[in-house]
Protein backbone atom coordinates (compact mmCIF):
# COMPACT_ATOMS: atom_id res chain seq x y z
CA UNK A 1 0.00 0.00 0.00
CA UNK A 2 2.82 2.41 0.89
CA UNK A 3 4.56 1.69 -2.40
CA UNK A 4 1.33 2.25 -4.32
CA UNK A 5 0.77 5.59 -2.61
CA UNK A 6 4.24 6.74 -3.57
CA UNK A 7 3.68 5.64 -7.15
CA UNK A 8 0.30 7.39 -7.23
CA UNK A 9 1.77 10.69 -6.05
CA UNK A 10 4.61 10.55 -8.56
CA UNK A 11 2.32 9.48 -11.40
CA UNK A 12 -0.23 12.26 -10.83
CA UNK A 13 2.47 14.92 -10.57
CA UNK A 14 4.11 13.73 -13.78
CA UNK A 15 0.76 13.63 -15.58
CA UNK A 16 -0.08 17.17 -14.42
CA UNK A 17 3.24 18.51 -15.63
CA UNK A 18 2.68 17.10 -19.13
CA UNK A 19 -0.61 18.91 -19.72
CA UNK A 20 -0.49 22.53 -20.81
CA UNK A 21 -3.40 24.80 -19.88
CA UNK A 22 -4.18 25.32 -23.56
CA UNK A 23 -4.55 21.55 -24.02
CA UNK A 24 -7.68 21.59 -21.82
CA UNK A 25 -9.06 24.99 -22.83
CA UNK A 26 -7.62 27.01 -19.93
CA UNK A 27 -5.88 30.39 -20.32
CA UNK A 28 -2.15 30.40 -19.62
CA UNK A 29 -1.87 33.44 -17.36
CA UNK A 30 1.66 34.48 -16.41
CA UNK A 31 4.57 32.40 -15.21
CA UNK A 32 4.05 29.15 -13.35
CA UNK A 33 6.30 27.79 -10.64
CA UNK A 34 5.94 24.32 -12.13
CA UNK A 35 5.14 23.20 -15.68
CA UNK A 36 1.70 21.95 -16.64
CA UNK A 37 -1.51 22.22 -14.65
CA UNK A 38 -1.93 23.33 -11.07
CA UNK A 39 -3.66 21.03 -8.58
CA UNK A 40 -6.61 23.41 -8.40
CA UNK A 41 -7.07 23.27 -12.17
CA UNK A 42 -7.07 19.47 -12.19
CA UNK A 43 -9.61 19.45 -9.36
CA UNK A 44 -11.90 21.84 -11.21
CA UNK A 45 -11.69 19.88 -14.46
CA UNK A 46 -12.41 16.60 -12.65
CA UNK A 47 -15.25 18.11 -10.58
CA UNK A 48 -13.67 17.35 -7.19
CA UNK A 49 -12.60 19.64 -4.35
CA UNK A 50 -9.03 20.94 -4.31
CA UNK A 51 -8.56 19.61 -0.77
CA UNK A 52 -9.64 16.11 -1.86
CA UNK A 53 -7.35 16.16 -4.87
CA UNK A 54 -4.33 17.25 -2.80
CA UNK A 55 -5.00 14.39 -0.38
CA UNK A 56 -5.33 11.99 -3.33
CA UNK A 57 -1.87 12.98 -4.57
CA UNK A 58 -0.61 12.36 -1.05
CA UNK A 59 -2.35 8.97 -0.81
CA UNK A 60 -4.62 10.02 2.04
CA UNK A 61 -8.13 9.39 0.68
CA UNK A 62 -8.62 5.67 1.15
CA UNK A 63 -9.95 3.96 -1.97
CA UNK A 64 -11.23 6.47 -4.56
CA UNK A 65 -14.33 5.66 -6.59
CA UNK A 66 -13.94 4.39 -10.14
CA UNK A 67 -15.99 7.21 -11.70
CA UNK A 68 -13.93 9.87 -9.86
CA UNK A 69 -10.70 8.34 -11.15
CA UNK A 70 -12.11 8.36 -14.66
CA UNK A 71 -12.87 12.05 -14.27
CA UNK A 72 -9.26 12.68 -13.24
CA UNK A 73 -8.00 10.54 -16.12
CA UNK A 74 -10.04 12.65 -18.55
CA UNK A 75 -8.84 15.91 -16.96
CA UNK A 76 -5.22 14.81 -17.30
CA UNK A 77 -5.75 13.53 -20.88
CA UNK A 78 -4.49 10.07 -19.90
CA UNK A 79 -4.20 7.37 -22.55
CA UNK A 80 -6.21 4.13 -22.11
CA UNK A 81 -3.12 2.38 -20.73
CA UNK A 82 -2.46 5.26 -18.31
CA UNK A 83 -6.10 5.18 -17.17
CA UNK A 84 -5.75 1.50 -16.29
CA UNK A 85 -2.48 2.24 -14.45
CA UNK A 86 -4.16 5.02 -12.44
CA UNK A 87 -6.91 2.64 -11.31
CA UNK A 88 -4.40 -0.05 -10.37
CA UNK A 89 -2.23 2.18 -8.21
CA UNK A 90 -5.16 4.11 -6.68
CA UNK A 91 -7.64 1.26 -6.16
CA UNK A 92 -5.61 -1.90 -6.53
CA UNK A 93 -7.84 -3.14 -9.34
CA UNK A 94 -8.42 -2.50 -13.03
CA UNK A 95 -11.21 -0.14 -14.09
CA UNK A 96 -14.56 -1.43 -15.33
CA UNK A 97 -14.60 -2.52 -18.98
CA UNK A 98 -15.34 0.13 -21.63
CA UNK A 99 -18.90 1.35 -21.84
CA UNK A 100 -21.14 -0.70 -24.13
CA UNK A 101 -24.50 0.96 -24.93
CA UNK A 102 -27.55 -0.99 -23.83
CA UNK A 103 -29.21 -2.87 -26.68
CA UNK A 104 -32.20 -1.15 -28.19
CA UNK A 105 -35.47 -2.94 -27.58
CA UNK A 106 -37.35 -4.20 -30.60
CA UNK A 107 -40.45 -2.25 -29.64
CA UNK A 108 -38.56 1.07 -29.55
CA UNK A 109 -36.99 0.27 -32.92
CA UNK A 110 -40.48 -0.29 -34.30
CA UNK A 111 -41.66 3.03 -32.85
CA UNK A 112 -38.75 4.84 -34.51
CA UNK A 113 -39.36 3.28 -37.90
CA UNK A 114 -43.09 3.90 -37.59
CA UNK A 115 -42.62 7.69 -37.51
CA UNK A 116 -41.27 8.40 -41.02
CA UNK A 117 -42.03 12.14 -40.95
CA UNK A 118 -41.00 12.93 -37.35
CA UNK A 119 -37.29 13.06 -36.41
CA UNK A 120 -36.83 10.70 -33.46
CA UNK A 121 -34.01 8.96 -31.68
CA UNK A 122 -33.34 6.88 -28.58
CA UNK A 123 -30.65 7.78 -26.05
CA UNK A 124 -29.62 6.69 -22.57
CA UNK A 125 -29.06 8.73 -19.40
CA UNK A 126 -25.56 9.60 -20.61
CA UNK A 127 -27.13 11.17 -23.74
CA UNK A 128 -25.44 8.56 -25.95
CA UNK A 129 -27.50 8.09 -29.13
CA UNK A 130 -28.50 4.43 -29.38
CA UNK A 131 -30.56 4.63 -32.57
CA UNK A 132 -32.31 7.15 -34.81
CA UNK A 133 -34.81 7.06 -37.64
CA UNK A 134 -34.44 8.30 -41.21
CA UNK A 135 -36.15 11.62 -40.44
CA UNK A 136 -33.53 12.38 -37.76
CA UNK A 137 -30.75 11.62 -40.25
CA UNK A 138 -32.43 13.93 -42.75
CA UNK A 139 -32.56 16.76 -40.20
CA UNK A 140 -29.22 16.33 -38.41
CA UNK A 141 -27.14 14.72 -41.18
CA UNK A 142 -25.81 11.21 -41.85
CA UNK A 143 -23.20 11.51 -39.06
CA UNK A 144 -25.87 11.74 -36.38
CA UNK A 145 -25.48 8.89 -33.91
CA UNK A 146 -21.90 8.10 -34.96
CA UNK A 147 -18.37 9.35 -34.28
CA UNK A 148 -18.26 12.91 -32.96
CA UNK A 149 -22.09 13.00 -33.04
CA UNK A 150 -22.68 9.88 -30.94
CA UNK A 151 -23.70 11.85 -27.83
CA UNK A 152 -26.10 14.81 -27.91
CA UNK A 153 -24.41 16.64 -25.02
CA UNK A 154 -21.02 16.42 -26.75
CA UNK A 155 -22.65 17.50 -30.02
CA UNK A 156 -24.21 20.55 -28.41
CA UNK A 157 -20.98 21.83 -26.88
CA UNK A 158 -18.18 20.44 -29.05
CA UNK A 159 -19.55 20.27 -32.63
CA UNK A 160 -19.61 23.80 -34.11
CA UNK A 161 -22.29 22.96 -36.67
CA UNK A 162 -24.69 21.88 -33.92
CA UNK A 163 -24.17 25.12 -32.06
CA UNK A 164 -24.88 27.10 -35.22
CA UNK A 165 -28.08 25.20 -36.01
CA UNK A 166 -29.58 25.77 -32.54
CA UNK A 167 -30.97 29.30 -32.75
CA UNK A 168 -31.55 29.49 -29.00
CA UNK A 169 -28.36 27.62 -28.19
CA UNK A 170 -27.60 29.09 -24.75
CA UNK A 171 -30.99 28.24 -23.26
CA UNK A 172 -31.01 24.72 -24.67
CA UNK A 173 -27.37 24.08 -23.70
CA UNK A 174 -27.91 25.27 -20.14
CA UNK A 175 -30.90 22.94 -19.92
CA UNK A 176 -28.67 20.08 -21.07
CA UNK A 177 -26.15 20.82 -18.29
CA UNK A 178 -28.92 20.73 -15.69
CA UNK A 179 -30.15 17.37 -17.02
CA UNK A 180 -26.64 15.92 -16.88
CA UNK A 181 -26.19 17.03 -13.26
CA UNK A 182 -29.49 15.42 -12.29
CA UNK A 183 -28.45 12.18 -14.01
CA UNK A 184 -25.05 12.20 -12.30
CA UNK A 185 -26.79 12.29 -8.92
CA UNK A 186 -28.74 9.15 -9.92
CA UNK A 187 -25.70 7.33 -11.34
CA UNK A 188 -22.70 8.67 -9.36
CA UNK A 189 -20.50 5.66 -10.13
CA UNK A 190 -21.14 5.38 -13.86
CA UNK A 191 -17.74 5.73 -15.57
CA UNK A 192 -19.13 6.69 -18.98
CA UNK A 193 -21.19 9.54 -17.53
CA UNK A 194 -18.17 10.76 -15.57
CA UNK A 195 -16.13 10.63 -18.77
CA UNK A 196 -18.66 12.74 -20.68
CA UNK A 197 -18.86 15.36 -17.91
CA UNK A 198 -15.07 15.56 -17.50
CA UNK A 199 -14.53 15.91 -21.25
CA UNK A 200 -17.08 18.72 -21.51
CA UNK A 201 -15.66 20.54 -18.48
CA UNK A 202 -12.20 20.38 -20.03
CA UNK A 203 -13.20 21.34 -23.57
CA UNK A 204 -15.99 23.92 -23.10
CA UNK A 205 -15.77 27.03 -20.94
CA UNK A 206 -19.53 27.49 -21.19
CA UNK A 207 -20.17 23.98 -19.91
CA UNK A 208 -17.64 24.38 -17.08
CA UNK A 209 -19.19 27.66 -15.93
CA UNK A 210 -22.75 26.30 -15.98
CA UNK A 211 -21.69 23.04 -14.33
CA UNK A 212 -20.07 24.94 -11.48
CA UNK A 213 -23.22 26.91 -10.68
CA UNK A 214 -24.86 23.60 -9.60
CA UNK A 215 -28.01 24.21 -11.65
CA UNK A 216 -30.31 21.16 -11.87
CA UNK A 217 -32.91 20.89 -14.62
CA UNK A 218 -35.13 18.04 -15.71
CA UNK A 219 -37.22 19.31 -18.59
CA UNK A 220 -38.79 16.62 -20.73
CA UNK A 221 -40.55 18.82 -23.29
CA UNK A 222 -40.22 22.24 -24.83
CA UNK A 223 -39.86 24.24 -28.04
CA UNK A 224 -36.75 25.13 -30.00
CA UNK A 225 -35.75 26.69 -33.30
CA UNK A 226 -33.44 24.88 -35.68
CA UNK A 227 -31.54 26.63 -38.47
CA UNK A 228 -31.01 24.27 -41.42
CA UNK A 229 -28.79 25.13 -44.38
CA UNK A 230 -31.37 23.95 -46.92
CA UNK A 231 -34.70 24.37 -45.13
CA UNK A 232 -34.12 27.59 -43.21
CA UNK A 233 -35.33 28.15 -39.64
CA UNK A 234 -37.87 25.64 -38.33
CA UNK A 235 -39.74 25.78 -35.03
CA UNK A 236 -40.24 22.37 -33.45
CA UNK A 237 -41.61 20.99 -30.21
CA UNK A 238 -39.63 18.26 -28.48
CA UNK A 239 -40.74 15.54 -26.09
CA UNK A 240 -38.46 13.15 -24.20
CA UNK A 241 -40.30 10.00 -23.13
CA UNK A 242 -38.79 7.51 -20.70
CA UNK A 243 -39.05 3.80 -21.47
CA UNK A 244 -40.97 1.80 -18.87
CA UNK A 245 -38.84 -1.36 -19.07
CA UNK A 246 -36.18 -0.23 -16.58
CA UNK A 247 -33.56 0.25 -19.30
CA UNK A 248 -33.15 4.02 -18.71
CA UNK A 249 -33.62 4.60 -22.41
CA UNK A 250 -35.39 7.75 -23.57
CA UNK A 251 -37.29 8.37 -26.80
CA UNK A 252 -36.74 11.92 -28.09
CA UNK A 253 -39.25 13.12 -30.72
CA UNK A 254 -39.41 16.39 -32.65
CA UNK A 255 -42.70 17.63 -34.09
CA UNK A 256 -43.17 20.77 -36.26
CA UNK A 257 -44.82 23.61 -34.35
CA UNK A 258 -46.38 25.39 -37.33
CA UNK A 259 -47.35 24.87 -40.94
CA UNK A 260 -44.20 26.38 -42.43
CA UNK A 261 -41.99 24.18 -40.29
CA UNK A 262 -44.04 21.11 -41.20
CA UNK A 263 -43.64 21.80 -44.93
CA UNK A 264 -39.90 22.43 -44.55
CA UNK A 265 -39.40 19.26 -42.53
CA UNK A 266 -41.47 17.19 -44.95
CA UNK A 267 -39.35 18.50 -47.82
CA UNK A 268 -36.13 17.49 -46.01
CA UNK A 269 -37.39 14.00 -45.25
CA UNK A 270 -38.63 13.48 -48.82
CA UNK A 271 -35.34 14.67 -50.31
CA UNK A 272 -33.41 12.38 -47.96
CA UNK A 273 -35.52 9.36 -48.89
CA UNK A 274 -35.11 10.13 -52.61
CA UNK A 275 -31.35 10.40 -52.23
CA UNK A 276 -31.18 7.06 -50.41
CA UNK A 277 -33.30 5.38 -53.08
CA UNK A 278 -31.09 6.77 -55.84
CA UNK A 279 -27.92 5.64 -54.05
CA UNK A 280 -29.37 2.15 -53.61
């Protein structure tokens, strides 16, 4: 145990010194006594108290939780191998296996496919997109649900195109932060959720500021405006419906709020279907 604590202290200090403030979206203000990040900056990025983080570096916090360590790993930009090493020296065991999204139920898949004119998708409490229908692909693009667009919270804060298409971005983004905080309280040990929050805190100043004000929001319906390059500005209502099978999956559906938006959305969906048929 003593050896592990010494290794933990040395490892965390070395990892901090490798990360420049600019690497995690922080301003580099003036000279620093040591290279890399300060302890306070790591604590803020990982959403832990500075006192707790100092004691962690000194090996005085007992056995840290897995999700907290994943938050620190994300704040320090650790590689997968370094993340495993951090868990081993801090907890004495390897971290949980990588997150695998829950399988989509057949009934929800049928619901998605049965709404050809309404953009809809299924996500979990981490806001990972599990599946979407053709109308959602027509509205958000073929990347939706994959790669950099596999999580709607990451999309909202880290994908510039998504920020541009949300006319009322600040209100909707702040609502997203409040939803994430509420979900973290329900699933405090979920490593994937901790990873998403830590990444957003490190990469987005807006997210970090709103996260730190401790706002909690659980809105399941509302209205938003979407700016589309081809269809113009559309006003849509959104509803987020929770599945009743205990899977923590949510069905998110967009419906046009007026006649002009309905015609624009119908045109997008029709054009998308025609393009798919021509490609096939």
